[in-house]
Amino acid sequence: MNVSDFLEQHFRHFNARETLAAAKAYREFIDNQNGRMMVTLAGAMSTGELGLSLAEMIRQGKVHAVTCTAANLEEDIFNLVAHDEYRVIEDWRALSADDEVKLLDEGFNRVTDTCIPETVMRHIESRLLNLWKNAAEEGKPRTPAEFMFELLDDPQLPEHFQVPRENSWLAAAKDAGIPVYVPGVEDSTMGNIFTARVIDGSLPSHAAMHPGTEQLQRLSKWYQETSANHPIGFFQIGGGIAGDFPICVVPMMRQDLRLDIPLWSYFCQISDAQPSYGGYSGAVPNEKITWEKLSRETPKFMIQSDASIVAPLVFAYVLGW
């Protein structure tokens, strides 16, 4: 039994039923409605190696734009060049404060059960710093994703790959030529390092990096051009800025620019957040109607589960696996 058949047979109720319904609607939206899909990545999906399925979704034309946190951007590259140096801790819930200090002293940064070595961060820093300096000297700023695309063009980088390049969703996005938007770059290791290099004078200013507002302008242009011929959907993994930033482009254009722009035409979010806590990440989809993001008729799905489990299953169904 393949994955799609398994879901059809066993995912009948509760979050399982919602998962299958969202996957069916996603497949219908892309294959039969000629839709285009924005996928957003919060949390630690790159460290969770979501690229194993997301990269194939991009290659197969099932994803047409990505918005992610800067952590997901950099951690896809970290995994690509240092995968074998990571440490997985199976009993991570039992770690004491002393165990955490030991990991710190050994040069590891822990994300749930996975520890990222500090060495990979310094390795990537040394390469990015040259790109940042060149951008500053040339007066040609880049977005965070454009710097990473440029890094992937480094002919020496493949010598350091520890997993196949096809496991990288970022490499797939670069090859497919789809846009990747990265708001809030300061909330990441490389964003911290970029700021530190401005402070210590290694970089002359912050001008080498395009800010989030400029990326929102680019997203607005992409949305206008794409929606002229295709409905656009929104598949949100987690919450936070990765989801809030791109979904707001529609009310921005409709309310602040007074443009006749269609609303998002499909919406699905995988989240563990609860709406009663007042957070945007847990808001039920219908709340977005009041913000002029979704319409009453937009297909809407809210899967309250673990994205590291659910997202690969949805992607497998959409791919027909």
C-alpha atoms as a PDB file:
ATOM      1  CA  MET A   1       0.000   0.000   0.000  1.00  0.00           C
ATOM      2  CA  ASN A   2       1.448   3.384  -0.971  1.00  0.00           C
ATOM      3  CA  VAL A   3       1.169   6.467   1.232  1.00  0.00           C
ATOM      4  CA  SER A   4      -1.819   7.927  -0.623  1.00  0.00           C
ATOM      5  CA  ASP A   5      -3.778   4.693  -0.352  1.00  0.00           C
ATOM      6  CA  PHE A   6      -2.875   4.401   3.327  1.00  0.00           C
ATOM      7  CA  LEU A   7      -4.251   7.868   4.019  1.00  0.00           C
ATOM      8  CA  GLU A   8      -7.420   7.112   2.074  1.00  0.00           C
ATOM      9  CA  GLN A   9      -7.930   3.914   4.033  1.00  0.00           C
ATOM     10  CA  HIS A  10      -7.039   5.003   7.574  1.00  0.00           C
ATOM     11  CA  PHE A  11      -7.290   8.805   7.924  1.00  0.00           C
ATOM     12  CA  ARG A  12     -11.036   9.044   8.537  1.00  0.00           C
ATOM     13  CA  HIS A  13     -11.664  11.220  11.572  1.00  0.00           C
ATOM     14  CA  PHE A  14     -10.400  14.157  13.651  1.00  0.00           C
ATOM     15  CA  ASN A  15      -7.017  15.605  12.637  1.00  0.00           C
ATOM     16  CA  ALA A  16      -6.424  12.601  10.398  1.00  0.00           C
ATOM     17  CA  ARG A  17      -9.564  13.377   8.376  1.00  0.00           C
ATOM     18  CA  GLU A  18      -8.588  17.058   8.187  1.00  0.00           C
ATOM     19  CA  THR A  19      -5.121  16.060   6.941  1.00  0.00           C
ATOM     20  CA  LEU A  20      -6.552  13.980   4.118  1.00  0.00           C
ATOM     21  CA  ALA A  21      -9.117  16.637   3.209  1.00  0.00           C
ATOM     22  CA  ALA A  22      -6.389  19.297   3.048  1.00  0.00           C
ATOM     23  CA  ALA A  23      -4.190  17.062   0.913  1.00  0.00           C
ATOM     24  CA  LYS A  24      -7.030  16.281  -1.489  1.00  0.00           C
ATOM     25  CA  ALA A  25      -7.890  19.960  -1.830  1.00  0.00           C
ATOM     26  CA  TYR A  26      -4.215  20.839  -2.374  1.00  0.00           C
ATOM     27  CA  ARG A  27      -3.925  18.278  -5.177  1.00  0.00           C
ATOM     28  CA  GLU A  28      -7.165  19.484  -6.750  1.00  0.00           C
ATOM     29  CA  PHE A  29      -6.057  23.112  -6.495  1.00  0.00           C
ATOM     30  CA  ILE A  30      -2.759  22.502  -8.284  1.00  0.00           C
ATOM     31  CA  ASP A  31      -3.699  19.797 -10.770  1.00  0.00           C
ATOM     32  CA  ASN A  32      -7.210  20.816 -11.816  1.00  0.00           C
ATOM     33  CA  GLN A  33      -7.553  24.510 -10.964  1.00  0.00           C
ATOM     34  CA  ASN A  34      -4.134  25.551 -12.297  1.00  0.00           C
ATOM     35  CA  GLY A  35      -3.379  27.068  -8.904  1.00  0.00           C
ATOM     36  CA  ARG A  36      -0.116  28.314  -7.479  1.00  0.00           C
ATOM     37  CA  MET A  37       0.947  27.624  -3.880  1.00  0.00           C
ATOM     38  CA  MET A  38       2.858  29.613  -1.291  1.00  0.00           C
ATOM     39  CA  VAL A  39       4.378  27.387   1.406  1.00  0.00           C
ATOM     40  CA  THR A  40       5.534  28.964   4.672  1.00  0.00           C
ATOM     41  CA  LEU A  41       8.035  27.406   7.072  1.00  0.00           C
ATOM     42  CA  ALA A  42       8.249  28.229  10.757  1.00  0.00           C
ATOM     43  CA  GLY A  43       9.807  26.235  13.573  1.00  0.00           C
ATOM     44  CA  ALA A  44      12.791  24.030  12.808  1.00  0.00           C
ATOM     45  CA  MET A  45      11.528  22.299   9.691  1.00  0.00           C
ATOM     46  CA  SER A  46      14.896  22.405   7.921  1.00  0.00           C
ATOM     47  CA  THR A  47      16.661  20.824  10.883  1.00  0.00           C
ATOM     48  CA  GLY A  48      13.807  18.310  10.850  1.00  0.00           C
ATOM     49  CA  GLU A  49      14.884  17.540   7.247  1.00  0.00           C
ATOM     50  CA  LEU A  50      11.579  18.481   5.654  1.00  0.00           C
ATOM     51  CA  GLY A  51      13.636  19.060   2.523  1.00  0.00           C
ATOM     52  CA  LEU A  52      13.374  15.332   1.810  1.00  0.00           C
ATOM     53  CA  SER A  53       9.753  15.866   0.722  1.00  0.00           C
ATOM     54  CA  LEU A  54       9.525  19.636   0.178  1.00  0.00           C
ATOM     55  CA  ALA A  55      12.358  19.649  -2.362  1.00  0.00           C
ATOM     56  CA  GLU A  56      10.485  17.127  -4.502  1.00  0.00           C
ATOM     57  CA  MET A  57       7.295  19.185  -4.204  1.00  0.00           C
ATOM     58  CA  ILE A  58       9.218  22.135  -5.618  1.00  0.00           C
ATOM     59  CA  ARG A  59      10.815  20.064  -8.383  1.00  0.00           C
ATOM     60  CA  GLN A  60       7.419  18.668  -9.392  1.00  0.00           C
ATOM     61  CA  GLY A  61       5.840  22.124  -9.646  1.00  0.00           C
ATOM     62  CA  LYS A  62       3.606  21.744  -6.573  1.00  0.00           C
ATOM     63  CA  VAL A  63       5.153  24.739  -4.734  1.00  0.00           C
ATOM     64  CA  HIS A  64       5.634  28.103  -6.414  1.00  0.00           C
ATOM     65  CA  ALA A  65       6.912  30.381  -3.635  1.00  0.00           C
ATOM     66  CA  VAL A  66       8.302  29.942  -0.132  1.00  0.00           C
ATOM     67  CA  THR A  67       8.345  32.227   2.879  1.00  0.00           C
ATOM     68  CA  CYS A  68      10.462  31.017   5.758  1.00  0.00           C
ATOM     69  CA  THR A  69      12.150  32.157   8.901  1.00  0.00           C
ATOM     70  CA  ALA A  70      15.827  32.967   8.516  1.00  0.00           C
ATOM     71  CA  ALA A  71      16.545  29.998  10.786  1.00  0.00           C
ATOM     72  CA  ASN A  72      14.934  27.624   8.280  1.00  0.00           C
ATOM     73  CA  LEU A  73      16.902  29.300   5.489  1.00  0.00           C
ATOM     74  CA  GLU A  74      20.287  28.818   7.124  1.00  0.00           C
ATOM     75  CA  GLU A  75      19.532  25.449   8.704  1.00  0.00           C
ATOM     76  CA  ASP A  76      18.838  23.924   5.303  1.00  0.00           C
ATOM     77  CA  ILE A  77      22.408  24.835   4.356  1.00  0.00           C
ATOM     78  CA  PHE A  78      23.769  23.716   7.731  1.00  0.00           C
ATOM     79  CA  ASN A  79      22.188  20.296   7.233  1.00  0.00           C
ATOM     80  CA  LEU A  80      23.555  20.080   3.699  1.00  0.00           C
ATOM     81  CA  VAL A  81      27.185  20.569   4.719  1.00  0.00           C
ATOM     82  CA  ALA A  82      27.307  19.182   8.275  1.00  0.00           C
ATOM     83  CA  HIS A  83      24.612  16.511   8.547  1.00  0.00           C
ATOM     84  CA  ASP A  84      27.012  13.796   9.716  1.00  0.00           C
ATOM     85  CA  GLU A  85      28.374  16.046  12.473  1.00  0.00           C
ATOM     86  CA  TYR A  86      24.960  16.578  14.082  1.00  0.00           C
ATOM     87  CA  ARG A  87      24.162  14.726  17.285  1.00  0.00           C
ATOM     88  CA  VAL A  88      20.738  13.187  17.873  1.00  0.00           C
ATOM     89  CA  ILE A  89      19.688  12.705  21.491  1.00  0.00           C
ATOM     90  CA  GLU A  90      16.937  10.136  21.778  1.00  0.00           C
ATOM     91  CA  ASP A  91      16.136  10.824  25.448  1.00  0.00           C
ATOM     92  CA  TRP A  92      16.268  14.617  25.099  1.00  0.00           C
ATOM     93  CA  ARG A  93      13.362  15.115  27.535  1.00  0.00           C
ATOM     94  CA  ALA A  94      15.532  13.687  30.299  1.00  0.00           C
ATOM     95  CA  LEU A  95      18.399  16.136  29.848  1.00  0.00           C
ATOM     96  CA  SER A  96      19.362  18.036  32.994  1.00  0.00           C
ATOM     97  CA  ALA A  97      20.702  21.584  33.140  1.00  0.00           C
ATOM     98  CA  ASP A  98      24.167  20.073  33.609  1.00  0.00           C
ATOM     99  CA  ASP A  99      23.688  17.993  30.441  1.00  0.00           C
ATOM    100  CA  GLU A 100      22.772  21.161  28.545  1.00  0.00           C
ATOM    101  CA  VAL A 101      25.888  22.937  29.836  1.00  0.00           C
ATOM    102  CA  LYS A 102      27.980  19.980  28.667  1.00  0.00           C
ATOM    103  CA  LEU A 103      26.474  20.241  25.182  1.00  0.00           C
ATOM    104  CA  LEU A 104      27.244  23.947  25.146  1.00  0.00           C
ATOM    105  CA  ASP A 105      30.844  23.306  26.211  1.00  0.00           C
ATOM    106  CA  GLU A 106      31.165  20.695  23.459  1.00  0.00           C
ATOM    107  CA  GLY A 107      30.039  23.242  20.865  1.00  0.00           C
ATOM    108  CA  PHE A 108      26.466  22.102  20.192  1.00  0.00           C
ATOM    109  CA  ASN A 109      23.223  24.065  19.894  1.00  0.00           C
ATOM    110  CA  ARG A 110      20.176  21.879  20.636  1.00  0.00           C
ATOM    111  CA  VAL A 111      16.868  21.917  18.759  1.00  0.00           C
ATOM    112  CA  THR A 112      14.640  19.364  20.527  1.00  0.00           C
ATOM    113  CA  ASP A 113      16.371  16.031  19.773  1.00  0.00           C
ATOM    114  CA  THR A 114      18.948  17.396  17.324  1.00  0.00           C
ATOM    115  CA  CYS A 115      22.163  19.229  18.180  1.00  0.00           C
ATOM    116  CA  ILE A 116      23.721  21.495  15.556  1.00  0.00           C
ATOM    117  CA  PRO A 117      27.512  21.866  15.769  1.00  0.00           C
ATOM    118  CA  GLU A 118      28.813  25.406  16.240  1.00  0.00           C
ATOM    119  CA  THR A 119      31.544  24.648  13.705  1.00  0.00           C
ATOM    120  CA  VAL A 120      29.103  24.659  10.777  1.00  0.00           C
ATOM    121  CA  MET A 121      27.868  28.108  11.736  1.00  0.00           C
ATOM    122  CA  ARG A 122      31.411  29.491  11.643  1.00  0.00           C
ATOM    123  CA  HIS A 123      32.081  27.669   8.377  1.00  0.00           C
ATOM    124  CA  ILE A 124      29.084  29.290   6.708  1.00  0.00           C
ATOM    125  CA  GLU A 125      29.834  32.639   8.349  1.00  0.00           C
ATOM    126  CA  SER A 126      33.262  32.815   6.717  1.00  0.00           C
ATOM    127  CA  ARG A 127      31.755  32.239   3.283  1.00  0.00           C
ATOM    128  CA  LEU A 128      28.813  34.590   3.772  1.00  0.00           C
ATOM    129  CA  LEU A 129      30.980  37.374   5.128  1.00  0.00           C
ATOM    130  CA  ASN A 130      32.774  37.603   1.783  1.00  0.00           C
ATOM    131  CA  LEU A 131      29.422  37.794  -0.011  1.00  0.00           C
ATOM    132  CA  TRP A 132      28.160  40.462   2.386  1.00  0.00           C
ATOM    133  CA  LYS A 133      31.323  42.515   1.912  1.00  0.00           C
ATOM    134  CA  ASN A 134      31.106  42.270  -1.871  1.00  0.00           C
ATOM    135  CA  ALA A 135      27.476  43.392  -1.803  1.00  0.00           C
ATOM    136  CA  ALA A 136      28.377  46.355   0.394  1.00  0.00           C
ATOM    137  CA  GLU A 137      31.337  47.371  -1.764  1.00  0.00           C
ATOM    138  CA  GLU A 138      29.340  47.075  -4.993  1.00  0.00           C
ATOM    139  CA  GLY A 139      26.329  48.867  -3.533  1.00  0.00           C
ATOM    140  CA  LYS A 140      24.164  45.942  -4.636  1.00  0.00           C
ATOM    141  CA  PRO A 141      22.226  44.599  -1.647  1.00  0.00           C
ATOM    142  CA  ARG A 142      20.658  41.134  -1.708  1.00  0.00           C
ATOM    143  CA  THR A 143      17.867  39.462   0.169  1.00  0.00           C
ATOM    144  CA  PRO A 144      18.811  36.772   2.697  1.00  0.00           C
ATOM    145  CA  ALA A 145      17.734  34.072   0.229  1.00  0.00           C
ATOM    146  CA  GLU A 146      19.742  35.624  -2.619  1.00  0.00           C
ATOM    147  CA  PHE A 147      22.877  35.421  -0.483  1.00  0.00           C
ATOM    148  CA  MET A 148      22.194  31.729   0.132  1.00  0.00           C
ATOM    149  CA  PHE A 149      21.541  31.140  -3.575  1.00  0.00           C
ATOM    150  CA  GLU A 150      24.892  32.800  -4.269  1.00  0.00           C
ATOM    151  CA  LEU A 151      26.495  30.592  -1.630  1.00  0.00           C
ATOM    152  CA  LEU A 152      25.134  27.510  -3.409  1.00  0.00           C
ATOM    153  CA  ASP A 153      26.943  28.715  -6.549  1.00  0.00           C
ATOM    154  CA  ASP A 154      30.286  28.510  -4.723  1.00  0.00           C
ATOM    155  CA  PRO A 155      32.168  25.799  -6.681  1.00  0.00           C
ATOM    156  CA  GLN A 156      33.949  24.669  -3.511  1.00  0.00           C
ATOM    157  CA  LEU A 157      30.805  24.163  -1.426  1.00  0.00           C
ATOM    158  CA  PRO A 158      29.811  20.765  -2.930  1.00  0.00           C
ATOM    159  CA  GLU A 159      33.076  19.351  -1.558  1.00  0.00           C
ATOM    160  CA  HIS A 160      31.523  19.756   1.886  1.00  0.00           C
ATOM    161  CA  PHE A 161      28.102  18.234   1.148  1.00  0.00           C
ATOM    162  CA  GLN A 162      27.277  15.418   3.557  1.00  0.00           C
ATOM    163  CA  VAL A 163      23.825  14.651   2.144  1.00  0.00           C
ATOM    164  CA  PRO A 164      22.707  14.674  -1.498  1.00  0.00           C
ATOM    165  CA  ARG A 165      21.991  18.130  -2.880  1.00  0.00           C
ATOM    166  CA  GLU A 166      18.505  16.962  -3.836  1.00  0.00           C
ATOM    167  CA  ASN A 167      17.653  16.792  -0.120  1.00  0.00           C
ATOM    168  CA  SER A 168      17.897  20.583   0.073  1.00  0.00           C
ATOM    169  CA  TRP A 169      14.629  22.437  -0.454  1.00  0.00           C
ATOM    170  CA  LEU A 170      16.588  25.665  -0.877  1.00  0.00           C
ATOM    171  CA  ALA A 171      18.651  24.196  -3.702  1.00  0.00           C
ATOM    172  CA  ALA A 172      15.430  22.979  -5.324  1.00  0.00           C
ATOM    173  CA  ALA A 173      13.943  26.476  -5.030  1.00  0.00           C
ATOM    174  CA  LYS A 174      17.052  27.989  -6.605  1.00  0.00           C
ATOM    175  CA  ASP A 175      16.988  25.497  -9.482  1.00  0.00           C
ATOM    176  CA  ALA A 176      13.262  26.043 -10.066  1.00  0.00           C
ATOM    177  CA  GLY A 177      13.623  29.817  -9.958  1.00  0.00           C
ATOM    178  CA  ILE A 178      10.846  30.287  -7.425  1.00  0.00           C
ATOM    179  CA  PRO A 179      10.990  33.207  -4.976  1.00  0.00           C
ATOM    180  CA  VAL A 180      11.985  32.722  -1.342  1.00  0.00           C
ATOM    181  CA  TYR A 181      11.039  35.487   1.093  1.00  0.00           C
ATOM    182  CA  VAL A 182      12.744  35.716   4.486  1.00  0.00           C
ATOM    183  CA  PRO A 183      11.390  38.313   6.933  1.00  0.00           C
ATOM    184  CA  GLY A 184      12.918  38.924  10.356  1.00  0.00           C
ATOM    185  CA  VAL A 185      16.459  37.875   9.439  1.00  0.00           C
ATOM    186  CA  GLU A 186      17.731  39.194  12.772  1.00  0.00           C
ATOM    187  CA  ASP A 187      16.014  36.243  14.469  1.00  0.00           C
ATOM    188  CA  SER A 188      18.653  33.783  13.276  1.00  0.00           C
ATOM    189  CA  THR A 189      22.290  32.851  13.750  1.00  0.00           C
ATOM    190  CA  MET A 190      23.385  34.479  10.499  1.00  0.00           C
ATOM    191  CA  GLY A 191      21.300  37.562  11.266  1.00  0.00           C
ATOM    192  CA  ASN A 192      23.026  37.850  14.631  1.00  0.00           C
ATOM    193  CA  ILE A 193      26.418  37.457  12.971  1.00  0.00           C
ATOM    194  CA  PHE A 194      25.589  40.012  10.256  1.00  0.00           C
ATOM    195  CA  THR A 195      24.687  42.541  12.958  1.00  0.00           C
ATOM    196  CA  ALA A 196      27.828  41.736  14.920  1.00  0.00           C
ATOM    197  CA  ARG A 197      29.981  42.364  11.842  1.00  0.00           C
ATOM    198  CA  VAL A 198      28.361  45.752  11.362  1.00  0.00           C
ATOM    199  CA  ILE A 199      29.046  46.572  15.016  1.00  0.00           C
ATOM    200  CA  ASP A 200      32.707  45.487  14.868  1.00  0.00           C
ATOM    201  CA  GLY A 201      33.272  47.295  11.562  1.00  0.00           C
ATOM    202  CA  SER A 202      33.785  44.247   9.340  1.00  0.00           C
ATOM    203  CA  LEU A 203      30.775  45.496   7.373  1.00  0.00           C
ATOM    204  CA  PRO A 204      30.315  49.236   6.776  1.00  0.00           C
ATOM    205  CA  SER A 205      26.561  49.254   7.418  1.00  0.00           C
ATOM    206  CA  HIS A 206      23.336  47.262   7.233  1.00  0.00           C
ATOM    207  CA  ALA A 207      22.838  48.334   3.626  1.00  0.00           C
ATOM    208  CA  ALA A 208      24.061  45.055   2.120  1.00  0.00           C
ATOM    209  CA  MET A 209      20.841  43.270   3.174  1.00  0.00           C
ATOM    210  CA  HIS A 210      17.379  44.054   1.815  1.00  0.00           C
ATOM    211  CA  PRO A 211      14.919  44.528   4.713  1.00  0.00           C
ATOM    212  CA  GLY A 212      11.599  42.762   5.132  1.00  0.00           C
ATOM    213  CA  THR A 213       9.623  45.738   3.866  1.00  0.00           C
ATOM    214  CA  GLU A 214      11.455  45.608   0.546  1.00  0.00           C
ATOM    215  CA  GLN A 215      10.779  41.877   0.336  1.00  0.00           C
ATOM    216  CA  LEU A 216       7.090  42.546   0.997  1.00  0.00           C
ATOM    217  CA  GLN A 217       7.141  44.890  -1.986  1.00  0.00           C
ATOM    218  CA  ARG A 218       8.662  42.113  -4.110  1.00  0.00           C
ATOM    219  CA  LEU A 219       6.034  39.682  -2.852  1.00  0.00           C
ATOM    220  CA  SER A 220       3.337  42.171  -3.809  1.00  0.00           C
ATOM    221  CA  LYS A 221       4.693  42.278  -7.369  1.00  0.00           C
ATOM    222  CA  TRP A 222       4.839  38.466  -7.553  1.00  0.00           C
ATOM    223  CA  TYR A 223       1.287  38.158  -6.241  1.00  0.00           C
ATOM    224  CA  GLN A 224      -0.105  40.693  -8.696  1.00  0.00           C
ATOM    225  CA  GLU A 225       1.611  39.092 -11.688  1.00  0.00           C
ATOM    226  CA  THR A 226       0.784  35.522 -10.665  1.00  0.00           C
ATOM    227  CA  SER A 227      -2.838  36.133  -9.656  1.00  0.00           C
ATOM    228  CA  ALA A 228      -3.534  37.650 -13.073  1.00  0.00           C
ATOM    229  CA  ASN A 229      -3.566  34.092 -14.465  1.00  0.00           C
ATOM    230  CA  HIS A 230      -3.773  31.732 -11.495  1.00  0.00           C
ATOM    231  CA  PRO A 231      -5.501  31.420  -8.125  1.00  0.00           C
ATOM    232  CA  ILE A 232      -2.954  31.424  -5.302  1.00  0.00           C
ATOM    233  CA  GLY A 233      -3.084  29.207  -2.227  1.00  0.00           C
ATOM    234  CA  PHE A 234      -1.422  29.371   1.165  1.00  0.00           C
ATOM    235  CA  PHE A 235       0.007  26.315   2.943  1.00  0.00           C
ATOM    236  CA  GLN A 236       1.271  27.340   6.369  1.00  0.00           C
ATOM    237  CA  ILE A 237       3.560  25.123   8.418  1.00  0.00           C
ATOM    238  CA  GLY A 238       3.612  26.463  11.966  1.00  0.00           C
ATOM    239  CA  GLY A 239       2.893  30.094  12.747  1.00  0.00           C
ATOM    240  CA  GLY A 240       4.831  33.235  13.529  1.00  0.00           C
ATOM    241  CA  ILE A 241       6.355  35.677  11.086  1.00  0.00           C
ATOM    242  CA  ALA A 242       6.781  33.059   8.354  1.00  0.00           C
ATOM    243  CA  GLY A 243       2.987  32.937   8.023  1.00  0.00           C
ATOM    244  CA  ASP A 244       1.962  36.413   9.138  1.00  0.00           C
ATOM    245  CA  PHE A 245       4.339  38.238   6.784  1.00  0.00           C
ATOM    246  CA  PRO A 246       3.194  36.783   3.433  1.00  0.00           C
ATOM    247  CA  ILE A 247      -0.513  36.409   4.146  1.00  0.00           C
ATOM    248  CA  CYS A 248      -0.718  40.146   4.902  1.00  0.00           C
ATOM    249  CA  VAL A 249       0.307  41.065   1.366  1.00  0.00           C
ATOM    250  CA  VAL A 250      -3.304  40.692   0.223  1.00  0.00           C
ATOM    251  CA  PRO A 251      -4.957  43.107   2.688  1.00  0.00           C
ATOM    252  CA  MET A 252      -2.022  45.465   2.167  1.00  0.00           C
ATOM    253  CA  MET A 253      -2.744  45.649  -1.550  1.00  0.00           C
ATOM    254  CA  ARG A 254      -6.522  45.704  -1.161  1.00  0.00           C
ATOM    255  CA  GLN A 255      -6.812  48.139   1.758  1.00  0.00           C
ATOM    256  CA  ASP A 256      -3.681  50.301   1.592  1.00  0.00           C
ATOM    257  CA  LEU A 257      -3.165  50.400  -2.171  1.00  0.00           C
ATOM    258  CA  ARG A 258      -6.847  50.056  -3.117  1.00  0.00           C
ATOM    259  CA  LEU A 259      -6.014  47.432  -5.734  1.00  0.00           C
ATOM    260  CA  ASP A 260      -8.523  44.930  -7.088  1.00  0.00           C
ATOM    261  CA  ILE A 261      -6.583  41.846  -6.016  1.00  0.00           C
ATOM    262  CA  PRO A 262      -8.092  38.390  -5.388  1.00  0.00           C
ATOM    263  CA  LEU A 263      -7.940  36.888  -1.918  1.00  0.00           C
ATOM    264  CA  TRP A 264      -5.958  33.750  -1.168  1.00  0.00           C
ATOM    265  CA  SER A 265      -7.838  30.872  -2.820  1.00  0.00           C
ATOM    266  CA  TYR A 266      -6.821  27.954  -0.560  1.00  0.00           C
ATOM    267  CA  PHE A 267      -5.667  27.927   3.046  1.00  0.00           C
ATOM    268  CA  CYS A 268      -4.217  25.226   5.261  1.00  0.00           C
ATOM    269  CA  GLN A 269      -2.276  25.544   8.479  1.00  0.00           C
ATOM    270  CA  ILE A 270      -0.532  22.848  10.509  1.00  0.00           C
ATOM    271  CA  SER A 271      -0.234  24.151  14.036  1.00  0.00           C
ATOM    272  CA  ASP A 272      -0.218  23.153  17.693  1.00  0.00           C
ATOM    273  CA  ALA A 273      -1.271  26.648  18.836  1.00  0.00           C
ATOM    274  CA  GLN A 274      -4.595  27.243  20.580  1.00  0.00           C
ATOM    275  CA  PRO A 275      -6.887  30.138  19.607  1.00  0.00           C
ATOM    276  CA  SER A 276      -7.951  30.785  23.191  1.00  0.00           C
ATOM    277  CA  TYR A 277      -4.473  32.073  24.039  1.00  0.00           C
ATOM    278  CA  GLY A 278      -4.879  35.113  21.798  1.00  0.00           C
ATOM    279  CA  GLY A 279      -1.970  34.321  19.492  1.00  0.00           C
ATOM    280  CA  TYR A 280      -2.194  34.837  15.745  1.00  0.00           C
ATOM    281  CA  SER A 281      -0.648  31.416  15.146  1.00  0.00           C
ATOM    282  CA  GLY A 282      -3.619  29.664  16.708  1.00  0.00           C
ATOM    283  CA  ALA A 283      -6.314  31.741  15.039  1.00  0.00           C
ATOM    284  CA  VAL A 284      -8.933  29.661  13.247  1.00  0.00           C
ATOM    285  CA  PRO A 285      -9.033  30.274   9.485  1.00  0.00           C
ATOM    286  CA  ASN A 286     -12.399  32.100   9.596  1.00  0.00           C
ATOM    287  CA  GLU A 287     -10.797  34.867  11.666  1.00  0.00           C
ATOM    288  CA  LYS A 288      -8.797  35.737   8.560  1.00  0.00           C
ATOM    289  CA  ILE A 289     -12.013  36.690   6.786  1.00  0.00           C
ATOM    290  CA  THR A 290     -12.247  39.749   9.022  1.00  0.00           C
ATOM    291  CA  TRP A 291      -8.721  40.784   7.992  1.00  0.00           C
ATOM    292  CA  GLU A 292      -9.591  40.448   4.291  1.00  0.00           C
ATOM    293  CA  LYS A 293      -7.152  37.614   3.684  1.00  0.00           C
ATOM    294  CA  LEU A 294      -9.613  34.811   2.953  1.00  0.00           C
ATOM    295  CA  SER A 295     -13.174  34.764   1.669  1.00  0.00           C
ATOM    296  CA  ARG A 296     -16.120  32.853   3.057  1.00  0.00           C
ATOM    297  CA  GLU A 297     -15.793  30.416   0.127  1.00  0.00           C
ATOM    298  CA  THR A 298     -12.013  29.804   0.414  1.00  0.00           C
ATOM    299  CA  PRO A 299     -11.290  26.127   1.207  1.00  0.00           C
ATOM    300  CA  LYS A 300      -9.895  26.231   4.754  1.00  0.00           C
ATOM    301  CA  PHE A 301      -8.156  23.586   6.834  1.00  0.00           C
ATOM    302  CA  MET A 302      -6.638  23.686  10.316  1.00  0.00           C
ATOM    303  CA  ILE A 303      -4.646  20.603  11.293  1.00  0.00           C
ATOM    304  CA  GLN A 304      -3.672  20.743  14.942  1.00  0.00           C
ATOM    305  CA  SER A 305      -0.841  18.278  14.983  1.00  0.00           C
ATOM    306  CA  ASP A 306       2.907  17.864  14.614  1.00  0.00           C
ATOM    307  CA  ALA A 307       4.067  19.425  11.336  1.00  0.00           C
ATOM    308  CA  SER A 308       7.087  17.122  11.139  1.00  0.00           C
ATOM    309  CA  ILE A 309       4.615  14.228  10.845  1.00  0.00           C
ATOM    310  CA  VAL A 310       1.765  15.824   8.903  1.00  0.00           C
ATOM    311  CA  ALA A 311       3.541  17.905   6.255  1.00  0.00           C
ATOM    312  CA  PRO A 312       5.422  14.951   4.665  1.00  0.00           C
ATOM    313  CA  LEU A 313       2.165  12.990   4.532  1.00  0.00           C
ATOM    314  CA  VAL A 314       0.333  15.826   2.785  1.00  0.00           C
ATOM    315  CA  PHE A 315       3.220  16.273   0.364  1.00  0.00           C
ATOM    316  CA  ALA A 316       3.317  12.540  -0.353  1.00  0.00           C
ATOM    317  CA  TYR A 317      -0.405  12.596  -1.181  1.00  0.00           C
ATOM    318  CA  VAL A 318      -0.063  15.628  -3.438  1.00  0.00           C
ATOM    319  CA  LEU A 319       2.835  13.902  -5.228  1.00  0.00           C
ATOM    320  CA  GLY A 320       0.818  10.712  -5.634  1.00  0.00           C
ATOM    321  CA  TRP A 321       3.251   8.604  -3.627  1.00  0.00           C
END
